[in-house]
Amino acid sequence: MIAAPLVRYALGALAAFVLLAAAYAYVDHKGYQRAAAHYEAAIAAERAAIAEADANEQRRQTIANNAAKKREAEAIAAIQAAESEIEELRKEQRREALQDPDAGRTALGRDSVQRINKIR
């Protein structure tokens, strides 16, 4: 008979332990789900912010590249205009040198000096 109350206490303690373990597992599972949902939302927000920052950086780089290409095209056009102007000056100097009646002289004539001064 002593065993009967002892068995009842043991079964009661076992039932209480199982009930507490089930309650703990349920509460812990709900807490895990809340934490998982919280961090999934935080990660999604962070990914969205990174995607937006990436898009903004790509836009900024595109704008900067287009501005650099425009400046480059303007610089090339200016260099080509200057090159064309220099080529015209060379042609003019060559033509004038060929037409200079004093071209074969040892000293420079007035026309030769003026041609040299145009180059400076």
N, C-alpha and C. Protein backbone atom coordinates (compact mmCIF):
# COMPACT_ATOMS: atom_id res chain seq x y z
N MET A 1 0.80 -1.18 0.00
CA MET A 1 0.00 0.00 0.00
C MET A 1 0.86 1.26 0.00
N ILE A 2 2.01 1.09 0.51
CA ILE A 2 2.91 2.24 0.50
C ILE A 2 3.28 2.57 -0.94
N ALA A 3 3.31 1.60 -1.75
CA ALA A 3 3.70 1.82 -3.14
C ALA A 3 2.64 2.58 -3.88
N ALA A 4 1.37 2.39 -3.52
CA ALA A 4 0.29 3.04 -4.24
C ALA A 4 0.38 4.56 -4.13
N PRO A 5 0.57 5.15 -2.92
CA PRO A 5 0.70 6.59 -2.87
C PRO A 5 1.98 7.06 -3.55
N LEU A 6 3.02 6.28 -3.44
CA LEU A 6 4.28 6.64 -4.09
C LEU A 6 4.13 6.63 -5.62
N VAL A 7 3.42 5.69 -6.14
CA VAL A 7 3.18 5.62 -7.59
C VAL A 7 2.33 6.80 -8.01
N ARG A 8 1.32 7.15 -7.20
CA ARG A 8 0.48 8.30 -7.53
C ARG A 8 1.31 9.58 -7.55
N TYR A 9 2.17 9.74 -6.57
CA TYR A 9 3.04 10.93 -6.55
C TYR A 9 3.97 10.95 -7.76
N ALA A 10 4.50 9.81 -8.09
CA ALA A 10 5.41 9.72 -9.24
C ALA A 10 4.67 10.02 -10.54
N LEU A 11 3.46 9.44 -10.66
CA LEU A 11 2.67 9.72 -11.87
C LEU A 11 2.25 11.19 -11.91
N GLY A 12 1.89 11.73 -10.76
CA GLY A 12 1.53 13.16 -10.71
C GLY A 12 2.71 14.04 -11.07
N ALA A 13 3.87 13.70 -10.54
CA ALA A 13 5.08 14.48 -10.86
C ALA A 13 5.42 14.34 -12.33
N LEU A 14 5.27 13.13 -12.88
CA LEU A 14 5.54 12.91 -14.29
C LEU A 14 4.55 13.69 -15.16
N ALA A 15 3.28 13.67 -14.76
CA ALA A 15 2.27 14.41 -15.51
C ALA A 15 2.55 15.91 -15.44
N ALA A 16 2.93 16.41 -14.28
CA ALA A 16 3.27 17.83 -14.13
C ALA A 16 4.48 18.18 -14.99
N PHE A 17 5.47 17.29 -14.98
CA PHE A 17 6.67 17.54 -15.79
C PHE A 17 6.33 17.56 -17.27
N VAL A 18 5.50 16.61 -17.72
CA VAL A 18 5.09 16.57 -19.13
C VAL A 18 4.30 17.82 -19.48
N LEU A 19 3.39 18.23 -18.59
CA LEU A 19 2.59 19.43 -18.82
C LEU A 19 3.48 20.67 -18.90
N LEU A 20 4.42 20.79 -17.97
CA LEU A 20 5.35 21.93 -17.99
C LEU A 20 6.24 21.90 -19.23
N ALA A 21 6.70 20.73 -19.62
CA ALA A 21 7.54 20.61 -20.82
C ALA A 21 6.76 20.99 -22.07
N ALA A 22 5.50 20.55 -22.13
CA ALA A 22 4.65 20.90 -23.28
C ALA A 22 4.39 22.41 -23.31
N ALA A 23 4.11 23.00 -22.15
CA ALA A 23 3.88 24.45 -22.08
C ALA A 23 5.15 25.21 -22.48
N TYR A 24 6.29 24.76 -21.99
CA TYR A 24 7.55 25.41 -22.34
C TYR A 24 7.82 25.30 -23.83
N ALA A 25 7.60 24.13 -24.40
CA ALA A 25 7.84 23.93 -25.84
C ALA A 25 6.91 24.81 -26.66
N TYR A 26 5.64 24.91 -26.23
CA TYR A 26 4.67 25.74 -26.95
C TYR A 26 5.07 27.21 -26.88
N VAL A 27 5.38 27.67 -25.68
CA VAL A 27 5.77 29.07 -25.50
C VAL A 27 7.06 29.36 -26.23
N ASP A 28 8.02 28.48 -26.12
CA ASP A 28 9.30 28.66 -26.79
C ASP A 28 9.11 28.67 -28.31
N HIS A 29 8.25 27.81 -28.82
CA HIS A 29 8.00 27.77 -30.27
C HIS A 29 7.35 29.07 -30.73
N LYS A 30 6.40 29.57 -29.97
CA LYS A 30 5.77 30.85 -30.32
C LYS A 30 6.79 31.98 -30.28
N GLY A 31 7.65 31.95 -29.28
CA GLY A 31 8.70 32.98 -29.19
C GLY A 31 9.66 32.88 -30.35
N TYR A 32 9.99 31.66 -30.74
CA TYR A 32 10.89 31.47 -31.89
C TYR A 32 10.23 32.01 -33.15
N GLN A 33 8.94 31.73 -33.31
CA GLN A 33 8.23 32.22 -34.49
C GLN A 33 8.21 33.75 -34.51
N ARG A 34 7.96 34.37 -33.36
CA ARG A 34 7.96 35.84 -33.30
C ARG A 34 9.34 36.39 -33.63
N ALA A 35 10.36 35.78 -33.04
CA ALA A 35 11.72 36.24 -33.30
C ALA A 35 12.09 36.04 -34.77
N ALA A 36 11.71 34.89 -35.32
CA ALA A 36 12.01 34.62 -36.73
C ALA A 36 11.30 35.63 -37.61
N ALA A 37 10.03 35.91 -37.33
CA ALA A 37 9.28 36.89 -38.13
C ALA A 37 9.92 38.28 -38.01
N HIS A 38 10.33 38.64 -36.80
CA HIS A 38 10.96 39.95 -36.59
C HIS A 38 12.25 40.08 -37.41
N TYR A 39 13.09 39.07 -37.32
CA TYR A 39 14.37 39.16 -38.02
C TYR A 39 14.22 38.98 -39.53
N GLU A 40 13.24 38.22 -39.96
CA GLU A 40 12.97 38.12 -41.40
C GLU A 40 12.53 39.48 -41.94
N ALA A 41 11.69 40.18 -41.17
CA ALA A 41 11.26 41.52 -41.59
C ALA A 41 12.45 42.48 -41.60
N ALA A 42 13.31 42.37 -40.59
CA ALA A 42 14.48 43.25 -40.53
C ALA A 42 15.42 42.96 -41.70
N ILE A 43 15.61 41.71 -42.03
CA ILE A 43 16.49 41.34 -43.14
C ILE A 43 15.88 41.81 -44.46
N ALA A 44 14.57 41.66 -44.62
CA ALA A 44 13.91 42.12 -45.84
C ALA A 44 14.04 43.64 -45.98
N ALA A 45 13.89 44.37 -44.88
CA ALA A 45 14.03 45.82 -44.93
C ALA A 45 15.47 46.20 -45.28
N GLU A 46 16.42 45.48 -44.73
CA GLU A 46 17.84 45.76 -45.02
C GLU A 46 18.15 45.47 -46.49
N ARG A 47 17.61 44.36 -47.00
CA ARG A 47 17.82 44.04 -48.42
C ARG A 47 17.20 45.11 -49.32
N ALA A 48 16.03 45.60 -48.96
CA ALA A 48 15.38 46.65 -49.75
C ALA A 48 16.21 47.92 -49.72
N ALA A 49 16.75 48.26 -48.55
CA ALA A 49 17.59 49.45 -48.44
C ALA A 49 18.86 49.29 -49.27
N ILE A 50 19.44 48.10 -49.25
CA ILE A 50 20.65 47.85 -50.05
C ILE A 50 20.33 47.95 -51.53
N ALA A 51 19.20 47.39 -51.95
CA ALA A 51 18.81 47.45 -53.36
C ALA A 51 18.58 48.90 -53.80
N GLU A 52 17.95 49.69 -52.92
CA GLU A 52 17.72 51.10 -53.25
C GLU A 52 19.04 51.86 -53.32
N ALA A 53 19.94 51.60 -52.39
CA ALA A 53 21.24 52.26 -52.40
C ALA A 53 22.02 51.86 -53.65
N ASP A 54 21.92 50.61 -54.04
CA ASP A 54 22.60 50.14 -55.25
C ASP A 54 22.04 50.84 -56.49
N ALA A 55 20.73 50.95 -56.57
CA ALA A 55 20.10 51.63 -57.71
C ALA A 55 20.51 53.11 -57.73
N ASN A 56 20.54 53.74 -56.56
CA ASN A 56 20.96 55.15 -56.50
C ASN A 56 22.41 55.31 -56.94
N GLU A 57 23.27 54.39 -56.52
CA GLU A 57 24.68 54.46 -56.90
C GLU A 57 24.85 54.25 -58.40
N GLN A 58 24.09 53.34 -58.96
CA GLN A 58 24.17 53.11 -60.41
C GLN A 58 23.69 54.34 -61.17
N ARG A 59 22.62 54.97 -60.67
CA ARG A 59 22.14 56.22 -61.30
C ARG A 59 23.21 57.30 -61.21
N ARG A 60 23.84 57.42 -60.03
CA ARG A 60 24.87 58.45 -59.86
C ARG A 60 26.04 58.19 -60.79
N GLN A 61 26.44 56.94 -60.91
CA GLN A 61 27.56 56.61 -61.81
C GLN A 61 27.20 56.86 -63.26
N THR A 62 25.97 56.56 -63.66
CA THR A 62 25.54 56.81 -65.03
C THR A 62 25.57 58.31 -65.32
N ILE A 63 25.08 59.11 -64.38
CA ILE A 63 25.08 60.56 -64.57
C ILE A 63 26.51 61.08 -64.65
N ALA A 64 27.37 60.60 -63.76
CA ALA A 64 28.78 61.03 -63.77
C ALA A 64 29.48 60.61 -65.06
N ASN A 65 29.22 59.38 -65.51
CA ASN A 65 29.83 58.90 -66.75
C ASN A 65 29.35 59.71 -67.95
N ASN A 66 28.06 60.01 -68.00
CA ASN A 66 27.53 60.80 -69.11
C ASN A 66 28.12 62.21 -69.12
N ALA A 67 28.27 62.80 -67.93
CA ALA A 67 28.88 64.13 -67.85
C ALA A 67 30.34 64.08 -68.29
N ALA A 68 31.06 63.03 -67.89
CA ALA A 68 32.46 62.89 -68.31
C ALA A 68 32.57 62.69 -69.82
N LYS A 69 31.66 61.91 -70.38
CA LYS A 69 31.66 61.69 -71.83
C LYS A 69 31.38 63.00 -72.57
N LYS A 70 30.47 63.80 -72.02
CA LYS A 70 30.15 65.09 -72.64
C LYS A 70 31.37 66.01 -72.60
N ARG A 71 32.04 66.08 -71.42
CA ARG A 71 33.25 66.91 -71.32
C ARG A 71 34.33 66.41 -72.27
N GLU A 72 34.45 65.09 -72.38
CA GLU A 72 35.45 64.51 -73.28
C GLU A 72 35.15 64.88 -74.73
N ALA A 73 33.87 64.79 -75.12
CA ALA A 73 33.50 65.14 -76.49
C ALA A 73 33.77 66.61 -76.77
N GLU A 74 33.49 67.47 -75.78
CA GLU A 74 33.76 68.90 -75.95
C GLU A 74 35.26 69.15 -76.07
N ALA A 75 36.06 68.46 -75.25
CA ALA A 75 37.51 68.62 -75.31
C ALA A 75 38.06 68.13 -76.65
N ILE A 76 37.54 67.00 -77.12
CA ILE A 76 37.98 66.47 -78.42
C ILE A 76 37.61 67.43 -79.54
N ALA A 77 36.41 67.99 -79.46
CA ALA A 77 35.99 68.96 -80.49
C ALA A 77 36.90 70.19 -80.46
N ALA A 78 37.24 70.66 -79.26
CA ALA A 78 38.13 71.83 -79.16
C ALA A 78 39.52 71.50 -79.70
N ILE A 79 40.02 70.31 -79.39
CA ILE A 79 41.34 69.91 -79.89
C ILE A 79 41.31 69.78 -81.41
N GLN A 80 40.25 69.21 -81.94
CA GLN A 80 40.14 69.07 -83.39
C GLN A 80 40.04 70.43 -84.07
N ALA A 81 39.31 71.37 -83.44
CA ALA A 81 39.22 72.72 -84.00
C ALA A 81 40.58 73.39 -83.98
N ALA A 82 41.30 73.25 -82.88
CA ALA A 82 42.64 73.85 -82.79
C ALA A 82 43.58 73.19 -83.80
N GLU A 83 43.48 71.88 -83.94
CA GLU A 83 44.32 71.16 -84.90
C GLU A 83 44.02 71.61 -86.32
N SER A 84 42.76 71.79 -86.62
CA SER A 84 42.37 72.27 -87.95
C SER A 84 42.91 73.68 -88.19
N GLU A 85 42.81 74.51 -87.16
CA GLU A 85 43.32 75.89 -87.27
C GLU A 85 44.83 75.89 -87.49
N ILE A 86 45.53 75.03 -86.75
CA ILE A 86 46.99 74.94 -86.90
C ILE A 86 47.35 74.42 -88.29
N GLU A 87 46.60 73.45 -88.76
CA GLU A 87 46.87 72.91 -90.10
C GLU A 87 46.65 73.98 -91.17
N GLU A 88 45.62 74.77 -91.01
CA GLU A 88 45.38 75.87 -91.96
C GLU A 88 46.53 76.88 -91.92
N LEU A 89 47.00 77.19 -90.70
CA LEU A 89 48.12 78.12 -90.56
C LEU A 89 49.38 77.54 -91.22
N ARG A 90 49.62 76.25 -91.05
CA ARG A 90 50.78 75.61 -91.69
C ARG A 90 50.68 75.68 -93.21
N LYS A 91 49.48 75.41 -93.74
CA LYS A 91 49.30 75.48 -95.19
C LYS A 91 49.55 76.90 -95.70
N GLU A 92 49.01 77.86 -94.94
CA GLU A 92 49.19 79.26 -95.33
C GLU A 92 50.67 79.64 -95.28
N GLN A 93 51.37 79.21 -94.21
CA GLN A 93 52.80 79.52 -94.08
C GLN A 93 53.60 78.86 -95.21
N ARG A 94 53.26 77.62 -95.51
CA ARG A 94 53.96 76.91 -96.57
C ARG A 94 53.74 77.60 -97.93
N ARG A 95 52.48 77.99 -98.18
CA ARG A 95 52.16 78.69 -99.44
C ARG A 95 52.91 80.01 -99.51
N GLU A 96 52.91 80.77 -98.43
CA GLU A 96 53.61 82.06 -98.42
C GLU A 96 55.12 81.87 -98.56
N ALA A 97 55.65 80.82 -97.94
CA ALA A 97 57.10 80.57 -98.06
C ALA A 97 57.47 80.23 -99.49
N LEU A 98 56.61 79.47 -100.15
CA LEU A 98 56.89 79.13 -101.55
C LEU A 98 56.78 80.34 -102.47
N GLN A 99 55.93 81.30 -102.09
CA GLN A 99 55.75 82.49 -102.92
C GLN A 99 56.73 83.61 -102.56
N ASP A 100 57.48 83.44 -101.49
CA ASP A 100 58.40 84.49 -101.04
C ASP A 100 59.55 84.63 -102.04
N PRO A 101 59.73 85.82 -102.61
CA PRO A 101 60.82 86.01 -103.58
C PRO A 101 62.19 85.94 -102.90
N ASP A 102 62.27 86.17 -101.60
CA ASP A 102 63.55 86.14 -100.89
C ASP A 102 63.79 84.78 -100.22
N ALA A 103 63.13 83.74 -100.66
CA ALA A 103 63.22 82.44 -100.01
C ALA A 103 64.62 81.87 -100.04
N GLY A 104 65.39 82.13 -101.07
CA GLY A 104 66.72 81.55 -101.19
C GLY A 104 67.82 82.35 -100.53
N ARG A 105 67.51 83.50 -99.97
CA ARG A 105 68.52 84.35 -99.36
C ARG A 105 69.00 83.79 -98.04
N THR A 106 70.19 84.20 -97.67
CA THR A 106 70.78 83.74 -96.42
C THR A 106 70.11 84.41 -95.22
N ALA A 107 69.81 85.65 -95.32
CA ALA A 107 69.17 86.40 -94.23
C ALA A 107 67.66 86.34 -94.40
N LEU A 108 66.96 86.61 -93.31
CA LEU A 108 65.51 86.61 -93.36
C LEU A 108 64.99 87.95 -93.84
N GLY A 109 64.02 87.90 -94.72
CA GLY A 109 63.39 89.13 -95.17
C GLY A 109 62.21 89.49 -94.29
N ARG A 110 61.58 90.60 -94.60
CA ARG A 110 60.45 91.09 -93.81
C ARG A 110 59.31 90.08 -93.80
N ASP A 111 58.99 89.50 -94.95
CA ASP A 111 57.90 88.53 -95.03
C ASP A 111 58.22 87.28 -94.22
N SER A 112 59.48 86.85 -94.25
CA SER A 112 59.89 85.66 -93.49
C SER A 112 59.75 85.91 -92.00
N VAL A 113 60.15 87.07 -91.54
CA VAL A 113 60.03 87.42 -90.12
C VAL A 113 58.56 87.45 -89.70
N GLN A 114 57.71 88.01 -90.56
CA GLN A 114 56.28 88.05 -90.23
C GLN A 114 55.68 86.64 -90.15
N ARG A 115 56.11 85.77 -91.02
CA ARG A 115 55.64 84.38 -90.97
C ARG A 115 56.09 83.71 -89.67
N ILE A 116 57.31 83.95 -89.28
CA ILE A 116 57.81 83.37 -88.02
C ILE A 116 57.03 83.91 -86.82
N ASN A 117 56.75 85.19 -86.84
CA ASN A 117 56.00 85.80 -85.73
C ASN A 117 54.58 85.27 -85.65
N LYS A 118 53.98 84.87 -86.76
CA LYS A 118 52.63 84.30 -86.71
C LYS A 118 52.60 82.97 -86.00
N ILE A 119 53.71 82.25 -86.12
CA ILE A 119 53.79 80.93 -85.48
C ILE A 119 53.88 81.06 -83.97
N ARG A 120 54.58 82.08 -83.51
CA ARG A 120 54.72 82.26 -82.06
C ARG A 120 53.38 82.50 -81.49
